Amino acid sequence: MFRDRTDAGEQLAARLQERGVDADIVLAIPRGGLPLGRAVADALGAPLDVVVARKLGAPTNEELAIGAVASDGAVWLNDALVDELGVSEDYVAAERERAARAAREKRDRYRGDHTPTIEGRRVVLVDDGVATGATTRACLRQLRDLGAARVVLAVPVAPADVLDDLAAEADEVIALQTPDPFRAVGYHYEQFGQVSDDEAIAYLPEE
């Protein structure tokens, strides 16, 4: 188990260095990804910034992700689940707009008018773990849309089958642990408290 997010970030940074990964920028998924992103960015000598996405909740269970959308509108839908639940196109469109708006608001809260340059750059995308992979997919698609030259997804822990799916969205996927059964991201940390927005923002450089 990882002691906390900083410990996981330091271990992840060491693995990236062992693999010879170079980065022009490290992007973390708020909020939990920022403590790890700080450790990785410092180790790789790269600036740290954020990429934000929100999941699309199912009509009868908002905690069940039928997809996710990034702040720029890049979307991933679980088409099989949408069909299984009989979710209407109107609901998906409305939920997509709501989630995109929420993602933009969070991005603006974290970075204001600052927008990192992604086009032509080598990006390392970091989070504290992956469960379903919905928000991660939306973030990866946003980075592709923005013209990233190379995208490496780096996480401490994730299910192996989800990582296999995410490999189609990234140039390289690096995970320290792929436990089976997976249970939940927090299960693999000794300390996994909520990270507040203010705490997360403190990991970012002031512009």
N, C-alpha and C. Protein backbone atom coordinates (compact mmCIF):
# COMPACT_ATOMS: atom_id res chain seq x y z
N MET A 1 0.84 -1.20 0.00
CA MET A 1 0.00 0.00 0.00
C MET A 1 0.88 1.25 0.00
N PHE A 2 0.34 2.31 -0.61
CA PHE A 2 1.03 3.60 -0.59
C PHE A 2 0.69 4.30 0.73
N ARG A 3 1.67 5.01 1.30
CA ARG A 3 1.38 5.73 2.55
C ARG A 3 0.34 6.82 2.31
N ASP A 4 0.56 7.60 1.28
CA ASP A 4 -0.35 8.70 0.94
C ASP A 4 -0.08 9.09 -0.52
N ARG A 5 -0.71 10.15 -0.97
CA ARG A 5 -0.57 10.55 -2.37
C ARG A 5 0.85 11.02 -2.70
N THR A 6 1.50 11.68 -1.75
CA THR A 6 2.87 12.13 -2.01
C THR A 6 3.81 10.94 -2.17
N ASP A 7 3.66 9.95 -1.32
CA ASP A 7 4.47 8.73 -1.44
C ASP A 7 4.22 8.06 -2.79
N ALA A 8 2.95 7.98 -3.19
CA ALA A 8 2.63 7.38 -4.49
C ALA A 8 3.25 8.18 -5.62
N GLY A 9 3.21 9.52 -5.51
CA GLY A 9 3.80 10.37 -6.54
C GLY A 9 5.30 10.18 -6.64
N GLU A 10 5.97 10.04 -5.51
CA GLU A 10 7.42 9.85 -5.52
C GLU A 10 7.79 8.51 -6.14
N GLN A 11 7.01 7.47 -5.80
CA GLN A 11 7.26 6.16 -6.41
C GLN A 11 6.99 6.19 -7.91
N LEU A 12 5.94 6.89 -8.29
CA LEU A 12 5.59 6.99 -9.71
C LEU A 12 6.68 7.75 -10.46
N ALA A 13 7.19 8.82 -9.86
CA ALA A 13 8.26 9.60 -10.49
C ALA A 13 9.50 8.74 -10.70
N ALA A 14 9.82 7.93 -9.70
CA ALA A 14 10.99 7.06 -9.83
C ALA A 14 10.82 6.07 -10.97
N ARG A 15 9.60 5.52 -11.13
CA ARG A 15 9.36 4.58 -12.23
C ARG A 15 9.48 5.27 -13.58
N LEU A 16 8.96 6.47 -13.68
CA LEU A 16 9.06 7.22 -14.94
C LEU A 16 10.51 7.50 -15.29
N GLN A 17 11.30 7.84 -14.30
CA GLN A 17 12.73 8.09 -14.55
C GLN A 17 13.43 6.81 -14.98
N GLU A 18 13.08 5.68 -14.34
CA GLU A 18 13.65 4.40 -14.73
C GLU A 18 13.31 4.07 -16.18
N ARG A 19 12.11 4.43 -16.61
CA ARG A 19 11.66 4.14 -17.97
C ARG A 19 12.17 5.16 -18.98
N GLY A 20 12.87 6.18 -18.50
CA GLY A 20 13.42 7.19 -19.41
C GLY A 20 12.38 8.09 -20.03
N VAL A 21 11.28 8.32 -19.31
CA VAL A 21 10.21 9.17 -19.83
C VAL A 21 10.61 10.65 -19.70
N ASP A 22 10.51 11.37 -20.79
CA ASP A 22 10.75 12.81 -20.80
C ASP A 22 9.41 13.53 -20.95
N ALA A 23 9.31 14.69 -20.32
CA ALA A 23 8.06 15.44 -20.39
C ALA A 23 8.34 16.92 -20.59
N ASP A 24 7.55 17.53 -21.46
CA ASP A 24 7.57 18.98 -21.59
C ASP A 24 6.62 19.62 -20.59
N ILE A 25 5.60 18.85 -20.17
CA ILE A 25 4.63 19.32 -19.19
C ILE A 25 3.98 18.13 -18.52
N VAL A 26 3.71 18.27 -17.23
CA VAL A 26 2.97 17.26 -16.46
C VAL A 26 1.59 17.83 -16.16
N LEU A 27 0.56 17.08 -16.48
CA LEU A 27 -0.81 17.50 -16.21
C LEU A 27 -1.43 16.55 -15.20
N ALA A 28 -2.04 17.11 -14.17
CA ALA A 28 -2.70 16.31 -13.14
C ALA A 28 -4.20 16.50 -13.24
N ILE A 29 -4.94 15.46 -12.88
CA ILE A 29 -6.40 15.53 -12.83
C ILE A 29 -6.80 15.90 -11.40
N PRO A 30 -7.41 17.09 -11.21
CA PRO A 30 -7.77 17.51 -9.86
C PRO A 30 -8.96 16.69 -9.34
N ARG A 31 -9.01 16.56 -8.00
CA ARG A 31 -8.10 17.19 -7.06
C ARG A 31 -6.99 16.23 -6.66
N GLY A 32 -7.32 14.95 -6.56
CA GLY A 32 -6.39 13.98 -6.00
C GLY A 32 -5.11 13.79 -6.77
N GLY A 33 -5.10 14.15 -8.05
CA GLY A 33 -3.91 13.95 -8.85
C GLY A 33 -2.81 14.98 -8.61
N LEU A 34 -3.16 16.10 -7.99
CA LEU A 34 -2.17 17.18 -7.87
C LEU A 34 -1.01 16.89 -6.92
N PRO A 35 -1.22 16.26 -5.76
CA PRO A 35 -0.05 15.92 -4.95
C PRO A 35 0.93 15.01 -5.69
N LEU A 36 0.41 14.08 -6.47
CA LEU A 36 1.28 13.20 -7.26
C LEU A 36 1.92 13.97 -8.40
N GLY A 37 1.12 14.82 -9.05
CA GLY A 37 1.64 15.60 -10.17
C GLY A 37 2.80 16.47 -9.75
N ARG A 38 2.72 17.04 -8.55
CA ARG A 38 3.82 17.88 -8.05
C ARG A 38 5.11 17.09 -7.93
N ALA A 39 5.02 15.89 -7.36
CA ALA A 39 6.21 15.06 -7.20
C ALA A 39 6.78 14.64 -8.55
N VAL A 40 5.90 14.29 -9.48
CA VAL A 40 6.35 13.85 -10.80
C VAL A 40 6.96 15.02 -11.57
N ALA A 41 6.32 16.18 -11.53
CA ALA A 41 6.83 17.35 -12.25
C ALA A 41 8.20 17.76 -11.72
N ASP A 42 8.36 17.74 -10.41
CA ASP A 42 9.65 18.12 -9.82
C ASP A 42 10.74 17.15 -10.25
N ALA A 43 10.42 15.85 -10.25
CA ALA A 43 11.42 14.85 -10.61
C ALA A 43 11.81 14.94 -12.08
N LEU A 44 10.85 15.25 -12.95
CA LEU A 44 11.11 15.30 -14.39
C LEU A 44 11.55 16.68 -14.85
N GLY A 45 11.55 17.65 -13.95
CA GLY A 45 11.95 19.01 -14.32
C GLY A 45 11.02 19.65 -15.31
N ALA A 46 9.72 19.41 -15.12
CA ALA A 46 8.71 19.93 -16.06
C ALA A 46 7.70 20.77 -15.29
N PRO A 47 7.05 21.72 -15.97
CA PRO A 47 6.00 22.49 -15.31
C PRO A 47 4.77 21.62 -15.04
N LEU A 48 4.01 22.01 -14.02
CA LEU A 48 2.80 21.29 -13.63
C LEU A 48 1.57 22.12 -13.94
N ASP A 49 0.56 21.48 -14.52
CA ASP A 49 -0.72 22.15 -14.76
C ASP A 49 -1.83 21.11 -14.62
N VAL A 50 -3.05 21.49 -14.97
CA VAL A 50 -4.19 20.59 -14.78
C VAL A 50 -4.94 20.37 -16.08
N VAL A 51 -5.62 19.23 -16.13
CA VAL A 51 -6.61 18.96 -17.17
C VAL A 51 -7.84 18.43 -16.44
N VAL A 52 -9.02 18.95 -16.80
CA VAL A 52 -10.21 18.71 -16.00
C VAL A 52 -11.29 18.03 -16.83
N ALA A 53 -11.94 17.04 -16.23
CA ALA A 53 -13.08 16.38 -16.86
C ALA A 53 -14.10 16.06 -15.78
N ARG A 54 -15.34 15.89 -16.20
CA ARG A 54 -16.44 15.50 -15.32
C ARG A 54 -17.15 14.29 -15.90
N LYS A 55 -17.55 13.39 -15.02
CA LYS A 55 -18.28 12.22 -15.50
C LYS A 55 -19.72 12.58 -15.82
N LEU A 56 -20.32 11.81 -16.71
CA LEU A 56 -21.74 11.93 -17.03
C LEU A 56 -22.48 10.88 -16.22
N GLY A 57 -23.36 11.32 -15.34
CA GLY A 57 -24.08 10.37 -14.49
C GLY A 57 -25.29 9.77 -15.17
N ALA A 58 -25.61 8.54 -14.82
CA ALA A 58 -26.79 7.87 -15.36
C ALA A 58 -28.06 8.53 -14.82
N PRO A 59 -29.18 8.44 -15.56
CA PRO A 59 -30.42 9.11 -15.14
C PRO A 59 -30.91 8.72 -13.75
N THR A 60 -30.79 7.47 -13.39
CA THR A 60 -31.31 7.02 -12.09
C THR A 60 -30.23 6.85 -11.03
N ASN A 61 -28.97 7.09 -11.41
CA ASN A 61 -27.86 6.95 -10.46
C ASN A 61 -26.71 7.82 -10.94
N GLU A 62 -26.61 9.03 -10.38
CA GLU A 62 -25.61 9.97 -10.86
C GLU A 62 -24.18 9.52 -10.57
N GLU A 63 -24.02 8.55 -9.65
CA GLU A 63 -22.68 8.03 -9.36
C GLU A 63 -22.22 7.01 -10.41
N LEU A 64 -23.16 6.51 -11.21
CA LEU A 64 -22.82 5.55 -12.26
C LEU A 64 -22.46 6.32 -13.52
N ALA A 65 -21.20 6.21 -13.95
CA ALA A 65 -20.73 6.99 -15.09
C ALA A 65 -21.11 6.31 -16.40
N ILE A 66 -21.85 7.04 -17.23
CA ILE A 66 -22.13 6.55 -18.58
C ILE A 66 -21.14 7.18 -19.57
N GLY A 67 -20.23 7.98 -19.05
CA GLY A 67 -19.21 8.62 -19.87
C GLY A 67 -18.58 9.76 -19.11
N ALA A 68 -17.84 10.59 -19.81
CA ALA A 68 -17.21 11.76 -19.20
C ALA A 68 -16.91 12.77 -20.28
N VAL A 69 -16.81 14.04 -19.86
CA VAL A 69 -16.52 15.11 -20.81
C VAL A 69 -15.46 16.02 -20.21
N ALA A 70 -14.52 16.46 -21.04
CA ALA A 70 -13.46 17.36 -20.60
C ALA A 70 -13.91 18.80 -20.74
N SER A 71 -13.12 19.71 -20.21
CA SER A 71 -13.50 21.13 -20.19
C SER A 71 -13.64 21.72 -21.59
N ASP A 72 -12.97 21.12 -22.57
CA ASP A 72 -13.08 21.64 -23.94
C ASP A 72 -14.20 20.96 -24.72
N GLY A 73 -14.94 20.04 -24.07
CA GLY A 73 -16.03 19.33 -24.73
C GLY A 73 -15.68 17.96 -25.25
N ALA A 74 -14.39 17.57 -25.17
CA ALA A 74 -14.00 16.22 -25.60
C ALA A 74 -14.74 15.20 -24.74
N VAL A 75 -15.39 14.23 -25.39
CA VAL A 75 -16.28 13.34 -24.65
C VAL A 75 -15.94 11.89 -24.91
N TRP A 76 -16.18 11.05 -23.89
CA TRP A 76 -16.14 9.60 -24.04
C TRP A 76 -17.43 9.07 -23.49
N LEU A 77 -18.10 8.22 -24.27
CA LEU A 77 -19.35 7.60 -23.84
C LEU A 77 -19.19 6.09 -23.77
N ASN A 78 -19.75 5.51 -22.72
CA ASN A 78 -19.83 4.06 -22.61
C ASN A 78 -21.07 3.63 -23.38
N ASP A 79 -20.90 3.44 -24.68
CA ASP A 79 -22.06 3.18 -25.55
C ASP A 79 -22.84 1.95 -25.12
N ALA A 80 -22.13 0.92 -24.67
CA ALA A 80 -22.83 -0.30 -24.26
C ALA A 80 -23.73 -0.04 -23.05
N LEU A 81 -23.23 0.76 -22.10
CA LEU A 81 -24.03 1.07 -20.92
C LEU A 81 -25.18 2.00 -21.26
N VAL A 82 -24.93 2.96 -22.14
CA VAL A 82 -26.00 3.86 -22.59
C VAL A 82 -27.14 3.05 -23.22
N ASP A 83 -26.78 2.09 -24.07
CA ASP A 83 -27.80 1.25 -24.70
C ASP A 83 -28.50 0.37 -23.68
N GLU A 84 -27.73 -0.21 -22.76
CA GLU A 84 -28.30 -1.12 -21.76
C GLU A 84 -29.32 -0.40 -20.88
N LEU A 85 -29.01 0.84 -20.53
CA LEU A 85 -29.91 1.61 -19.66
C LEU A 85 -31.01 2.33 -20.42
N GLY A 86 -30.92 2.32 -21.75
CA GLY A 86 -31.92 3.00 -22.56
C GLY A 86 -31.88 4.52 -22.39
N VAL A 87 -30.69 5.07 -22.25
CA VAL A 87 -30.55 6.51 -22.04
C VAL A 87 -30.83 7.25 -23.34
N SER A 88 -31.66 8.28 -23.27
CA SER A 88 -32.04 9.01 -24.48
C SER A 88 -30.94 9.95 -24.95
N GLU A 89 -30.97 10.26 -26.24
CA GLU A 89 -30.00 11.20 -26.80
C GLU A 89 -30.16 12.59 -26.16
N ASP A 90 -31.39 12.98 -25.86
CA ASP A 90 -31.62 14.28 -25.24
C ASP A 90 -30.98 14.34 -23.86
N TYR A 91 -31.10 13.26 -23.10
CA TYR A 91 -30.49 13.24 -21.77
C TYR A 91 -28.97 13.34 -21.88
N VAL A 92 -28.38 12.57 -22.80
CA VAL A 92 -26.93 12.59 -22.98
C VAL A 92 -26.46 13.98 -23.36
N ALA A 93 -27.18 14.64 -24.27
CA ALA A 93 -26.79 15.98 -24.71
C ALA A 93 -26.84 16.99 -23.56
N ALA A 94 -27.92 16.92 -22.77
CA ALA A 94 -28.07 17.84 -21.65
C ALA A 94 -27.02 17.57 -20.57
N GLU A 95 -26.78 16.31 -20.27
CA GLU A 95 -25.80 15.94 -19.25
C GLU A 95 -24.39 16.30 -19.72
N ARG A 96 -24.15 16.14 -21.01
CA ARG A 96 -22.84 16.50 -21.55
C ARG A 96 -22.57 18.00 -21.40
N GLU A 97 -23.57 18.83 -21.68
CA GLU A 97 -23.40 20.28 -21.55
C GLU A 97 -23.22 20.66 -20.08
N ARG A 98 -23.99 20.04 -19.19
CA ARG A 98 -23.86 20.34 -17.76
C ARG A 98 -22.46 19.99 -17.26
N ALA A 99 -21.99 18.79 -17.63
CA ALA A 99 -20.69 18.34 -17.16
C ALA A 99 -19.56 19.18 -17.75
N ALA A 100 -19.67 19.54 -19.02
CA ALA A 100 -18.64 20.37 -19.66
C ALA A 100 -18.57 21.74 -18.98
N ARG A 101 -19.74 22.29 -18.65
CA ARG A 101 -19.77 23.59 -17.97
C ARG A 101 -19.11 23.49 -16.60
N ALA A 102 -19.40 22.42 -15.87
CA ALA A 102 -18.80 22.22 -14.56
C ALA A 102 -17.29 22.04 -14.66
N ALA A 103 -16.85 21.33 -15.70
CA ALA A 103 -15.41 21.14 -15.90
C ALA A 103 -14.72 22.47 -16.22
N ARG A 104 -15.36 23.30 -17.04
CA ARG A 104 -14.78 24.61 -17.36
C ARG A 104 -14.69 25.48 -16.12
N GLU A 105 -15.72 25.43 -15.29
CA GLU A 105 -15.73 26.24 -14.07
C GLU A 105 -14.60 25.81 -13.13
N LYS A 106 -14.39 24.50 -13.01
CA LYS A 106 -13.30 24.02 -12.16
C LYS A 106 -11.95 24.40 -12.75
N ARG A 107 -11.79 24.25 -14.05
CA ARG A 107 -10.53 24.65 -14.69
C ARG A 107 -10.24 26.13 -14.42
N ASP A 108 -11.27 26.96 -14.57
CA ASP A 108 -11.08 28.40 -14.36
C ASP A 108 -10.75 28.70 -12.90
N ARG A 109 -11.34 27.96 -11.98
CA ARG A 109 -11.05 28.17 -10.56
C ARG A 109 -9.58 27.86 -10.28
N TYR A 110 -9.07 26.84 -10.93
CA TYR A 110 -7.69 26.43 -10.67
C TYR A 110 -6.68 27.32 -11.40
N ARG A 111 -6.98 27.72 -12.64
CA ARG A 111 -5.95 28.36 -13.45
C ARG A 111 -6.35 29.72 -13.99
N GLY A 112 -7.56 30.18 -13.76
CA GLY A 112 -7.97 31.49 -14.24
C GLY A 112 -7.87 31.57 -15.76
N ASP A 113 -7.24 32.62 -16.25
CA ASP A 113 -7.10 32.82 -17.69
C ASP A 113 -5.92 32.05 -18.29
N HIS A 114 -5.12 31.42 -17.42
CA HIS A 114 -3.93 30.71 -17.91
C HIS A 114 -4.33 29.44 -18.65
N THR A 115 -3.80 29.27 -19.84
CA THR A 115 -4.04 28.06 -20.63
C THR A 115 -2.70 27.48 -21.07
N PRO A 116 -2.35 26.28 -20.62
CA PRO A 116 -1.06 25.71 -21.01
C PRO A 116 -1.04 25.33 -22.49
N THR A 117 0.12 25.47 -23.09
CA THR A 117 0.30 25.06 -24.47
C THR A 117 0.54 23.55 -24.52
N ILE A 118 -0.29 22.85 -25.28
CA ILE A 118 -0.19 21.40 -25.39
C ILE A 118 0.33 20.97 -26.75
N GLU A 119 0.01 21.71 -27.79
CA GLU A 119 0.35 21.31 -29.15
C GLU A 119 1.85 21.07 -29.29
N GLY A 120 2.18 19.89 -29.83
CA GLY A 120 3.56 19.54 -30.11
C GLY A 120 4.39 19.19 -28.90
N ARG A 121 3.76 19.08 -27.72
CA ARG A 121 4.52 18.82 -26.50
C ARG A 121 4.34 17.39 -26.01
N ARG A 122 5.36 16.92 -25.27
CA ARG A 122 5.30 15.60 -24.65
C ARG A 122 4.65 15.76 -23.28
N VAL A 123 3.53 15.07 -23.09
CA VAL A 123 2.71 15.25 -21.91
C VAL A 123 2.70 13.98 -21.07
N VAL A 124 2.85 14.15 -19.75
CA VAL A 124 2.60 13.07 -18.81
C VAL A 124 1.33 13.42 -18.04
N LEU A 125 0.33 12.56 -18.12
CA LEU A 125 -0.94 12.76 -17.43
C LEU A 125 -0.95 11.90 -16.17
N VAL A 126 -1.22 12.53 -15.02
CA VAL A 126 -1.10 11.86 -13.72
C VAL A 126 -2.42 11.95 -12.95
N ASP A 127 -2.78 10.85 -12.28
CA ASP A 127 -3.88 10.87 -11.32
C ASP A 127 -3.51 9.94 -10.18
N ASP A 128 -4.30 9.97 -9.09
CA ASP A 128 -3.97 9.14 -7.93
C ASP A 128 -4.42 7.70 -8.09
N GLY A 129 -5.06 7.40 -9.19
CA GLY A 129 -5.49 6.05 -9.50
C GLY A 129 -6.62 6.09 -10.50
N VAL A 130 -6.92 4.95 -11.08
CA VAL A 130 -7.99 4.83 -12.06
C VAL A 130 -8.92 3.71 -11.61
N ALA A 131 -10.21 3.97 -11.67
CA ALA A 131 -11.20 2.92 -11.35
C ALA A 131 -11.92 2.51 -12.64
N THR A 132 -12.89 3.30 -13.07
CA THR A 132 -13.59 2.99 -14.33
C THR A 132 -12.86 3.53 -15.55
N GLY A 133 -12.08 4.61 -15.35
CA GLY A 133 -11.35 5.20 -16.46
C GLY A 133 -12.12 6.22 -17.26
N ALA A 134 -13.36 6.54 -16.86
CA ALA A 134 -14.20 7.44 -17.65
C ALA A 134 -13.57 8.84 -17.78
N THR A 135 -13.28 9.48 -16.65
CA THR A 135 -12.71 10.83 -16.72
C THR A 135 -11.33 10.81 -17.35
N THR A 136 -10.58 9.75 -17.12
CA THR A 136 -9.25 9.64 -17.71
C THR A 136 -9.34 9.62 -19.24
N ARG A 137 -10.29 8.87 -19.77
CA ARG A 137 -10.46 8.81 -21.22
C ARG A 137 -10.78 10.19 -21.79
N ALA A 138 -11.69 10.92 -21.13
CA ALA A 138 -12.04 12.25 -21.63
C ALA A 138 -10.84 13.17 -21.61
N CYS A 139 -10.03 13.09 -20.57
CA CYS A 139 -8.82 13.92 -20.49
C CYS A 139 -7.83 13.56 -21.60
N LEU A 140 -7.66 12.28 -21.83
CA LEU A 140 -6.74 11.83 -22.89
C LEU A 140 -7.21 12.32 -24.26
N ARG A 141 -8.51 12.27 -24.49
CA ARG A 141 -9.04 12.74 -25.78
C ARG A 141 -8.87 14.24 -25.94
N GLN A 142 -9.00 14.99 -24.83
CA GLN A 142 -8.76 16.42 -24.91
C GLN A 142 -7.31 16.70 -25.30
N LEU A 143 -6.37 15.98 -24.72
CA LEU A 143 -4.96 16.19 -25.05
C LEU A 143 -4.68 15.87 -26.51
N ARG A 144 -5.33 14.84 -27.04
CA ARG A 144 -5.19 14.53 -28.46
C ARG A 144 -5.76 15.67 -29.30
N ASP A 145 -6.94 16.16 -28.92
CA ASP A 145 -7.56 17.25 -29.66
C ASP A 145 -6.68 18.49 -29.67
N LEU A 146 -5.94 18.70 -28.58
CA LEU A 146 -5.08 19.88 -28.46
C LEU A 146 -3.73 19.70 -29.15
N GLY A 147 -3.50 18.53 -29.74
CA GLY A 147 -2.31 18.32 -30.56
C GLY A 147 -1.07 17.89 -29.83
N ALA A 148 -1.22 17.22 -28.69
CA ALA A 148 -0.05 16.72 -27.96
C ALA A 148 0.77 15.79 -28.85
N ALA A 149 2.10 15.93 -28.80
CA ALA A 149 2.97 15.09 -29.62
C ALA A 149 3.03 13.67 -29.09
N ARG A 150 3.02 13.54 -27.76
CA ARG A 150 3.09 12.23 -27.12
C ARG A 150 2.43 12.34 -25.75
N VAL A 151 1.64 11.33 -25.40
CA VAL A 151 0.94 11.34 -24.11
C VAL A 151 1.24 10.05 -23.36
N VAL A 152 1.78 10.20 -22.15
CA VAL A 152 2.02 9.06 -21.27
C VAL A 152 1.07 9.18 -20.08
N LEU A 153 0.27 8.16 -19.85
CA LEU A 153 -0.60 8.11 -18.69
C LEU A 153 0.15 7.39 -17.58
N ALA A 154 0.26 8.04 -16.40
CA ALA A 154 1.01 7.46 -15.29
C ALA A 154 0.16 7.49 -14.03
N VAL A 155 -0.11 6.32 -13.46
CA VAL A 155 -0.93 6.22 -12.25
C VAL A 155 -0.33 5.17 -11.32
N PRO A 156 -0.56 5.31 -10.01
CA PRO A 156 -0.03 4.30 -9.09
C PRO A 156 -0.77 2.97 -9.16
N VAL A 157 -2.10 3.03 -9.36
CA VAL A 157 -2.89 1.80 -9.24
C VAL A 157 -4.11 1.89 -10.16
N ALA A 158 -4.45 0.76 -10.77
CA ALA A 158 -5.60 0.68 -11.66
C ALA A 158 -5.88 -0.78 -12.00
N PRO A 159 -7.11 -1.10 -12.38
CA PRO A 159 -7.41 -2.46 -12.84
C PRO A 159 -6.73 -2.72 -14.19
N ALA A 160 -6.22 -3.92 -14.36
CA ALA A 160 -5.49 -4.25 -15.58
C ALA A 160 -6.35 -4.12 -16.82
N ASP A 161 -7.63 -4.53 -16.74
CA ASP A 161 -8.48 -4.49 -17.93
C ASP A 161 -8.78 -3.04 -18.34
N VAL A 162 -8.93 -2.14 -17.35
CA VAL A 162 -9.16 -0.74 -17.68
C VAL A 162 -7.91 -0.14 -18.32
N LEU A 163 -6.74 -0.49 -17.82
CA LEU A 163 -5.49 0.00 -18.42
C LEU A 163 -5.36 -0.47 -19.86
N ASP A 164 -5.79 -1.70 -20.12
CA ASP A 164 -5.74 -2.21 -21.50
C ASP A 164 -6.58 -1.34 -22.42
N ASP A 165 -7.76 -0.93 -21.95
CA ASP A 165 -8.62 -0.06 -22.75
C ASP A 165 -8.00 1.32 -22.93
N LEU A 166 -7.39 1.86 -21.87
CA LEU A 166 -6.80 3.19 -21.93
C LEU A 166 -5.56 3.22 -22.83
N ALA A 167 -4.94 2.07 -23.03
CA ALA A 167 -3.76 2.02 -23.89
C ALA A 167 -4.08 2.45 -25.32
N ALA A 168 -5.36 2.34 -25.71
CA ALA A 168 -5.76 2.78 -27.05
C ALA A 168 -5.83 4.30 -27.15
N GLU A 169 -5.87 4.98 -25.99
CA GLU A 169 -6.01 6.44 -25.97
C GLU A 169 -4.68 7.15 -25.72
N ALA A 170 -3.67 6.44 -25.22
CA ALA A 170 -2.38 7.04 -24.87
C ALA A 170 -1.26 6.35 -25.65
N ASP A 171 -0.12 7.03 -25.74
CA ASP A 171 1.05 6.42 -26.38
C ASP A 171 1.70 5.39 -25.47
N GLU A 172 1.62 5.62 -24.17
CA GLU A 172 2.20 4.70 -23.20
C GLU A 172 1.41 4.80 -21.90
N VAL A 173 1.23 3.67 -21.25
CA VAL A 173 0.52 3.63 -19.97
C VAL A 173 1.44 2.98 -18.94
N ILE A 174 1.63 3.67 -17.81
CA ILE A 174 2.50 3.16 -16.75
C ILE A 174 1.71 3.13 -15.45
N ALA A 175 1.66 1.96 -14.82
CA ALA A 175 1.00 1.81 -13.53
C ALA A 175 1.90 1.00 -12.62
N LEU A 176 1.96 1.39 -11.36
CA LEU A 176 2.81 0.68 -10.40
C LEU A 176 2.17 -0.62 -9.94
N GLN A 177 0.85 -0.63 -9.82
CA GLN A 177 0.14 -1.81 -9.33
C GLN A 177 -1.13 -2.03 -10.13
N THR A 178 -1.41 -3.31 -10.40
CA THR A 178 -2.68 -3.68 -11.06
C THR A 178 -3.31 -4.83 -10.28
N PRO A 179 -3.79 -4.56 -9.06
CA PRO A 179 -4.28 -5.61 -8.18
C PRO A 179 -5.58 -6.26 -8.69
N ASP A 180 -5.75 -7.51 -8.33
CA ASP A 180 -6.98 -8.24 -8.66
C ASP A 180 -7.36 -9.08 -7.44
N PRO A 181 -8.48 -8.79 -6.78
CA PRO A 181 -9.49 -7.80 -7.16
C PRO A 181 -9.02 -6.37 -6.88
N PHE A 182 -9.60 -5.43 -7.62
CA PHE A 182 -9.16 -4.05 -7.51
C PHE A 182 -9.79 -3.33 -6.32
N ARG A 183 -11.05 -3.56 -6.06
CA ARG A 183 -11.84 -2.91 -4.99
C ARG A 183 -12.06 -1.44 -5.31
N ALA A 184 -11.17 -0.54 -4.87
CA ALA A 184 -11.31 0.89 -5.12
C ALA A 184 -9.94 1.53 -4.97
N VAL A 185 -9.77 2.73 -5.54
CA VAL A 185 -8.47 3.40 -5.49
C VAL A 185 -8.02 3.59 -4.05
N GLY A 186 -8.91 4.11 -3.19
CA GLY A 186 -8.53 4.41 -1.82
C GLY A 186 -8.12 3.20 -1.01
N TYR A 187 -8.54 2.02 -1.42
CA TYR A 187 -8.20 0.80 -0.70
C TYR A 187 -6.69 0.56 -0.69
N HIS A 188 -5.97 1.13 -1.63
CA HIS A 188 -4.54 0.87 -1.79
C HIS A 188 -3.66 1.95 -1.17
N TYR A 189 -4.28 2.83 -0.40
CA TYR A 189 -3.57 3.88 0.32
C TYR A 189 -3.84 3.75 1.83
N GLU A 190 -2.79 3.98 2.64
CA GLU A 190 -2.99 4.03 4.08
C GLU A 190 -3.76 5.30 4.46
N GLN A 191 -3.42 6.41 3.79
CA GLN A 191 -4.11 7.68 4.01
C GLN A 191 -4.65 8.17 2.67
N PHE A 192 -5.96 8.36 2.60
CA PHE A 192 -6.59 8.75 1.34
C PHE A 192 -7.72 9.72 1.61
N GLY A 193 -7.41 10.76 2.39
CA GLY A 193 -8.42 11.75 2.69
C GLY A 193 -8.74 12.62 1.49
N GLN A 194 -9.86 13.32 1.56
CA GLN A 194 -10.24 14.24 0.49
C GLN A 194 -9.22 15.36 0.39
N VAL A 195 -8.93 15.77 -0.84
CA VAL A 195 -8.08 16.92 -1.09
C VAL A 195 -9.00 18.09 -1.44
N SER A 196 -8.92 19.17 -0.69
CA SER A 196 -9.77 20.33 -0.98
C SER A 196 -9.25 21.08 -2.19
N ASP A 197 -10.10 21.92 -2.78
CA ASP A 197 -9.65 22.74 -3.90
C ASP A 197 -8.47 23.62 -3.50
N ASP A 198 -8.56 24.23 -2.32
CA ASP A 198 -7.47 25.12 -1.89
C ASP A 198 -6.16 24.36 -1.72
N GLU A 199 -6.23 23.16 -1.15
CA GLU A 199 -5.02 22.33 -1.00
C GLU A 199 -4.46 21.95 -2.37
N ALA A 200 -5.34 21.56 -3.28
CA ALA A 200 -4.90 21.16 -4.61
C ALA A 200 -4.26 22.32 -5.37
N ILE A 201 -4.89 23.50 -5.30
CA ILE A 201 -4.37 24.67 -6.01
C ILE A 201 -2.99 25.05 -5.50
N ALA A 202 -2.73 24.80 -4.21
CA ALA A 202 -1.43 25.16 -3.62
C ALA A 202 -0.27 24.40 -4.26
N TYR A 203 -0.56 23.27 -4.91
CA TYR A 203 0.51 22.50 -5.58
C TYR A 203 0.89 23.13 -6.93
N LEU A 204 0.07 24.03 -7.44
CA LEU A 204 0.31 24.65 -8.74
C LEU A 204 1.16 25.90 -8.59
N PRO A 205 1.98 26.21 -9.61
CA PRO A 205 2.76 27.45 -9.55
C PRO A 205 1.85 28.65 -9.72
N GLU A 206 2.20 29.74 -9.12
CA GLU A 206 1.46 30.97 -9.31
C GLU A 206 1.87 31.59 -10.64
N GLU A 207 0.87 32.05 -11.38
CA GLU A 207 1.15 32.65 -12.68
C GLU A 207 1.26 34.16 -12.54
